[in-house]
Amino acid sequence: MINPKVSIITVTFNAEKVLERTLRSIKKQDYNNIESIIIDGESTDGTLKIVEKYSDVVTKWISEKDNGLYDAMNKGLSMATGDYVWFLNAGDTICKSDVLNYFFSKESFMRDVYYGETVIVDENGKQIGDRRLKTKNNLTWKDFRMGMLVCHQSVLVKREIAPEYNLKYKITADYEWVLESFKRAKYILGTKYKITCYLEGGLSRKNILKANKERFLIMKKYYGLIPTIWFNFLMIFRFLFTVAKLRRI
């Protein structure tokens, strides 16, 4: 059994409606080696009052202007002192109280990456359903040519290999971050265990055209132009086939 320190990093801005359930889920964990970090972008609502309310959970926090979500995440990385980093944004929750013990209780050494499944929830925390893209137990960085196969919030990465977020990308830097983390990793453990309840929405859903353009550039960088064109063609074909099949039902 191992007992590594886990830094859970939460980026917030005017998140008073959803932050408390995130911190409550961290508090419920039956794991005793957690560092909770809040990176706030100068919220003007009651976000900081909630942070202060959960002073027994939040290890450290800052509230200052940033240059966007991924700049804030990089600040979280620089403040983290854990063996692992885990990004859990305001409104996201840890599905069960035993998640970290589930990963570590049977381990004899620390893997580079741990990952699991994701449940989608609405703004009220009500479960909508499982994430459309399912993980497989032996993911490698090469598998991400087919898209974001595991949710960013359902990945724990050893801090010593965790890259900074590339601020060149405004919408999908998390895709490259996960991809690069898997590429750097030697020892990876995947599971079908549902570990994160993810708040529906996010930057890529709200800016889908720009997100697709950025994702294409990232895929081109890692896999080359011709393979990226081919993989995107396959994804479009599968999408159209699925839509046509549903219309016949």
Protein backbone atom coordinates (compact mmCIF):
# COMPACT_ATOMS: atom_id res chain seq x y z
CA MET A 1 0.00 0.00 0.00
CA ILE A 2 1.22 3.51 -0.84
CA ASN A 3 0.10 6.86 0.54
CA PRO A 4 1.18 9.61 -1.89
CA LYS A 5 0.19 13.22 -1.41
CA VAL A 6 -2.44 14.40 -3.92
CA SER A 7 -2.77 18.07 -4.85
CA ILE A 8 -6.33 18.80 -5.98
CA ILE A 9 -6.33 22.07 -7.91
CA THR A 10 -9.57 24.01 -8.39
CA VAL A 11 -9.79 27.09 -10.60
CA THR A 12 -12.64 29.48 -9.77
CA PHE A 13 -14.24 32.71 -10.90
CA ASN A 14 -17.59 33.80 -9.49
CA ALA A 15 -18.35 30.18 -8.63
CA GLU A 16 -20.39 30.60 -5.45
CA LYS A 17 -23.27 28.52 -6.85
CA VAL A 18 -21.20 25.40 -7.47
CA LEU A 19 -17.94 25.56 -5.49
CA GLU A 20 -19.32 24.30 -2.20
CA ARG A 21 -20.27 20.91 -3.57
CA THR A 22 -16.75 20.51 -4.95
CA LEU A 23 -15.14 21.24 -1.59
CA ARG A 24 -17.69 19.09 0.20
CA SER A 25 -16.76 16.13 -1.99
CA ILE A 26 -13.07 16.65 -1.17
CA LYS A 27 -13.91 16.81 2.53
CA LYS A 28 -15.76 13.49 2.32
CA GLN A 29 -12.71 11.61 1.04
CA ASP A 30 -11.52 8.86 3.35
CA TYR A 31 -7.95 9.51 2.23
CA ASN A 32 -5.68 11.42 4.61
CA ASN A 33 -3.04 12.92 2.34
CA ILE A 34 -4.76 15.61 0.26
CA GLU A 35 -3.69 19.16 -0.53
CA SER A 36 -6.57 21.33 -1.80
CA ILE A 37 -5.54 24.42 -3.79
CA ILE A 38 -7.90 27.17 -4.96
CA ILE A 39 -6.82 29.50 -7.78
CA ASP A 40 -9.37 32.31 -7.96
CA GLY A 41 -9.51 35.00 -10.63
CA GLU A 42 -10.63 37.85 -8.36
CA SER A 43 -14.24 36.74 -7.93
CA THR A 44 -16.75 39.46 -7.07
CA ASP A 45 -19.46 37.19 -5.67
CA GLY A 46 -19.37 34.99 -2.57
CA THR A 47 -16.75 32.54 -3.83
CA LEU A 48 -14.08 33.57 -1.32
CA LYS A 49 -16.54 33.32 1.57
CA ILE A 50 -17.04 29.68 0.63
CA VAL A 51 -13.27 29.18 0.49
CA GLU A 52 -12.99 30.62 3.99
CA LYS A 53 -15.91 28.48 5.19
CA TYR A 54 -13.98 25.39 4.13
CA SER A 55 -10.66 26.44 5.63
CA ASP A 56 -10.39 22.94 7.11
CA VAL A 57 -10.35 21.57 3.55
CA VAL A 58 -8.52 24.24 1.53
CA THR A 59 -4.78 24.05 2.15
CA LYS A 60 -3.81 27.17 0.22
CA TRP A 61 -5.46 29.67 -2.08
CA ILE A 62 -4.88 32.88 -4.03
CA SER A 63 -7.24 35.40 -5.61
CA GLU A 64 -5.75 37.54 -8.35
CA LYS A 65 -6.16 38.38 -12.03
CA ASP A 66 -4.98 35.82 -14.52
CA ASN A 67 -4.66 35.44 -18.28
CA GLY A 68 -7.36 32.84 -18.63
CA LEU A 69 -8.19 29.36 -17.41
CA TYR A 70 -4.95 27.67 -18.41
CA ASP A 71 -2.79 30.43 -16.93
CA ALA A 72 -4.66 29.86 -13.67
CA MET A 73 -4.04 26.12 -13.93
CA ASN A 74 -0.33 26.76 -14.39
CA LYS A 75 -0.39 28.80 -11.19
CA GLY A 76 -1.94 25.81 -9.47
CA LEU A 77 0.82 23.57 -10.77
CA SER A 78 3.47 25.95 -9.41
CA MET A 79 1.82 25.96 -5.96
CA ALA A 80 1.32 22.19 -5.77
CA THR A 81 3.58 20.17 -3.48
CA GLY A 82 1.89 16.79 -3.86
CA ASP A 83 3.18 13.65 -5.52
CA TYR A 84 0.20 13.91 -7.89
CA VAL A 85 -1.85 16.73 -9.36
CA TRP A 86 -5.58 16.42 -9.99
CA PHE A 87 -7.59 19.23 -11.61
CA LEU A 88 -11.13 19.41 -10.26
CA ASN A 89 -12.91 22.58 -11.34
CA ALA A 90 -15.68 24.37 -9.49
CA GLY A 91 -18.86 22.33 -9.89
CA ASP A 92 -17.02 19.05 -10.45
CA THR A 93 -17.08 16.51 -7.64
CA ILE A 94 -15.37 13.28 -6.69
CA CYS A 95 -18.00 10.60 -7.27
CA LYS A 96 -17.23 8.43 -4.25
CA SER A 97 -15.44 8.87 -0.95
CA ASP A 98 -13.06 5.97 -1.58
CA VAL A 99 -11.65 7.00 -4.97
CA LEU A 100 -8.07 7.67 -3.87
CA ASN A 101 -7.97 4.61 -1.63
CA TYR A 102 -9.30 2.63 -4.60
CA PHE A 103 -6.27 3.71 -6.63
CA PHE A 104 -3.57 3.44 -3.98
CA SER A 105 -4.58 0.79 -1.42
CA LYS A 106 -3.45 -2.16 -3.56
CA GLU A 107 -0.43 -0.50 -5.16
CA SER A 108 3.17 -1.29 -4.27
CA PHE A 109 4.63 1.59 -6.30
CA MET A 110 3.46 4.93 -7.67
CA ARG A 111 2.31 4.93 -11.28
CA ASP A 112 2.87 7.96 -13.47
CA VAL A 113 -0.81 8.33 -14.40
CA TYR A 114 -4.09 7.05 -12.95
CA TYR A 115 -7.39 7.53 -14.76
CA GLY A 116 -11.01 6.43 -14.66
CA GLU A 117 -14.54 7.03 -15.91
CA THR A 118 -16.64 10.20 -15.71
CA VAL A 119 -20.29 10.95 -14.94
CA ILE A 120 -21.86 14.11 -16.40
CA VAL A 121 -23.95 16.32 -14.07
CA ASP A 122 -25.94 19.52 -14.56
CA GLU A 123 -25.59 22.81 -12.67
CA ASN A 124 -27.68 21.41 -9.82
CA GLY A 125 -25.44 18.38 -9.45
CA LYS A 126 -28.03 16.01 -10.92
CA GLN A 127 -26.57 13.15 -12.92
CA ILE A 128 -27.30 13.32 -16.65
CA GLY A 129 -25.47 10.17 -17.68
CA ASP A 130 -22.06 8.72 -18.41
CA ARG A 131 -19.57 10.48 -20.64
CA ARG A 132 -20.09 9.54 -24.31
CA LEU A 133 -16.46 8.55 -24.96
CA LYS A 134 -15.52 5.52 -22.88
CA THR A 135 -12.02 4.79 -21.69
CA LYS A 136 -10.15 1.55 -22.15
CA ASN A 137 -7.83 -0.02 -19.61
CA ASN A 138 -4.61 0.37 -21.57
CA LEU A 139 -4.69 3.87 -22.99
CA THR A 140 -1.48 5.27 -24.48
CA TRP A 141 -0.75 8.69 -25.89
CA LYS A 142 -1.22 7.33 -29.41
CA ASP A 143 -4.88 6.58 -28.68
CA PHE A 144 -5.64 10.28 -28.30
CA ARG A 145 -5.48 10.70 -32.06
CA MET A 146 -9.15 9.64 -31.83
CA GLY A 147 -9.97 12.54 -29.51
CA MET A 148 -10.20 13.20 -25.77
CA LEU A 149 -10.72 9.61 -24.68
CA VAL A 150 -10.58 10.37 -20.97
CA CYS A 151 -11.95 13.41 -19.20
CA HIS A 152 -9.32 15.91 -18.04
CA GLN A 153 -10.87 15.88 -14.56
CA SER A 154 -10.57 12.11 -14.31
CA VAL A 155 -6.79 11.97 -14.63
CA LEU A 156 -4.21 12.05 -11.84
CA VAL A 157 -0.68 12.79 -13.05
CA LYS A 158 2.56 12.47 -11.12
CA ARG A 159 3.68 16.04 -10.53
CA GLU A 160 7.25 15.44 -11.64
CA ILE A 161 6.11 14.59 -15.19
CA ALA A 162 3.12 16.97 -15.42
CA PRO A 163 3.67 19.57 -18.18
CA GLU A 164 2.57 23.18 -18.04
CA TYR A 165 -0.50 24.10 -20.06
CA ASN A 166 0.37 25.56 -23.46
CA LEU A 167 -1.11 29.08 -23.43
CA LYS A 168 -1.02 29.13 -27.22
CA TYR A 169 -4.28 27.18 -27.07
CA LYS A 170 -7.21 29.07 -25.55
CA ILE A 171 -9.82 26.30 -25.64
CA THR A 172 -8.18 22.86 -25.79
CA ALA A 173 -4.89 23.15 -23.91
CA ASP A 174 -6.28 20.49 -21.56
CA TYR A 175 -6.36 18.02 -24.48
CA GLU A 176 -2.66 18.55 -25.14
CA TRP A 177 -1.91 18.45 -21.40
CA VAL A 178 -3.49 15.03 -21.01
CA LEU A 179 -1.94 13.75 -24.24
CA GLU A 180 1.53 14.96 -23.24
CA SER A 181 1.13 13.53 -19.73
CA PHE A 182 0.38 10.10 -21.20
CA LYS A 183 3.30 10.43 -23.60
CA ARG A 184 5.70 11.14 -20.71
CA ALA A 185 4.30 8.34 -18.56
CA LYS A 186 5.90 4.90 -18.32
CA TYR A 187 3.49 3.32 -15.84
CA ILE A 188 -0.24 3.96 -16.31
CA LEU A 189 -3.23 2.46 -14.51
CA GLY A 190 -6.68 2.74 -16.05
CA THR A 191 -9.94 1.60 -14.53
CA LYS A 192 -13.65 1.60 -15.28
CA TYR A 193 -14.25 3.02 -11.80
CA LYS A 194 -16.29 6.23 -11.92
CA ILE A 195 -14.15 8.80 -10.17
CA THR A 196 -15.37 12.25 -11.25
CA CYS A 197 -18.78 13.85 -11.66
CA TYR A 198 -18.12 16.50 -14.30
CA LEU A 199 -20.20 19.67 -14.62
CA GLU A 200 -21.64 19.77 -18.14
CA GLY A 201 -20.42 22.62 -20.33
CA GLY A 202 -16.93 24.08 -20.45
CA LEU A 203 -14.92 26.11 -22.91
CA SER A 204 -14.83 23.59 -25.74
CA ARG A 205 -18.61 23.06 -25.69
CA LYS A 206 -19.21 26.81 -25.89
CA ASN A 207 -16.61 27.41 -28.63
CA ILE A 208 -16.85 24.22 -30.64
CA LEU A 209 -15.48 25.54 -33.97
CA LYS A 210 -12.41 27.11 -32.39
CA ALA A 211 -11.96 24.04 -30.21
CA ASN A 212 -11.96 21.75 -33.26
CA LYS A 213 -9.41 23.96 -35.01
CA GLU A 214 -7.08 23.93 -32.00
CA ARG A 215 -7.52 20.19 -31.53
CA PHE A 216 -6.60 19.63 -35.19
CA LEU A 217 -3.39 21.65 -34.74
CA ILE A 218 -2.49 19.65 -31.63
CA MET A 219 -3.12 16.36 -33.40
CA LYS A 220 -1.04 17.52 -36.37
CA LYS A 221 1.81 18.38 -33.98
CA TYR A 222 1.83 14.92 -32.37
CA TYR A 223 0.72 12.62 -35.21
CA GLY A 224 1.49 14.43 -38.47
CA LEU A 225 -0.74 16.08 -41.09
CA ILE A 226 -1.84 13.10 -43.19
CA PRO A 227 -2.73 10.81 -40.26
CA THR A 228 -4.62 13.70 -38.61
CA ILE A 229 -6.69 14.33 -41.75
CA TRP A 230 -7.46 10.61 -41.95
CA PHE A 231 -8.42 10.29 -38.27
CA ASN A 232 -10.71 13.32 -38.52
CA PHE A 233 -12.35 11.87 -41.63
CA LEU A 234 -13.02 8.64 -39.73
CA MET A 235 -14.53 10.52 -36.78
CA ILE A 236 -16.82 12.55 -39.06
CA PHE A 237 -17.88 9.37 -40.89
CA ARG A 238 -18.66 7.58 -37.62
CA PHE A 239 -20.65 10.58 -36.39
CA LEU A 240 -22.74 10.75 -39.58
CA PHE A 241 -23.28 6.98 -39.52
CA THR A 242 -24.49 7.15 -35.91
CA VAL A 243 -26.88 10.02 -36.70
CA ALA A 244 -28.29 8.15 -39.69
CA LYS A 245 -28.72 5.00 -37.61
CA LEU A 246 -30.58 6.89 -34.88
CA ARG A 247 -32.94 8.46 -37.41
CA ARG A 248 -33.93 5.00 -38.65
CA ILE A 249 -34.90 3.89 -35.14
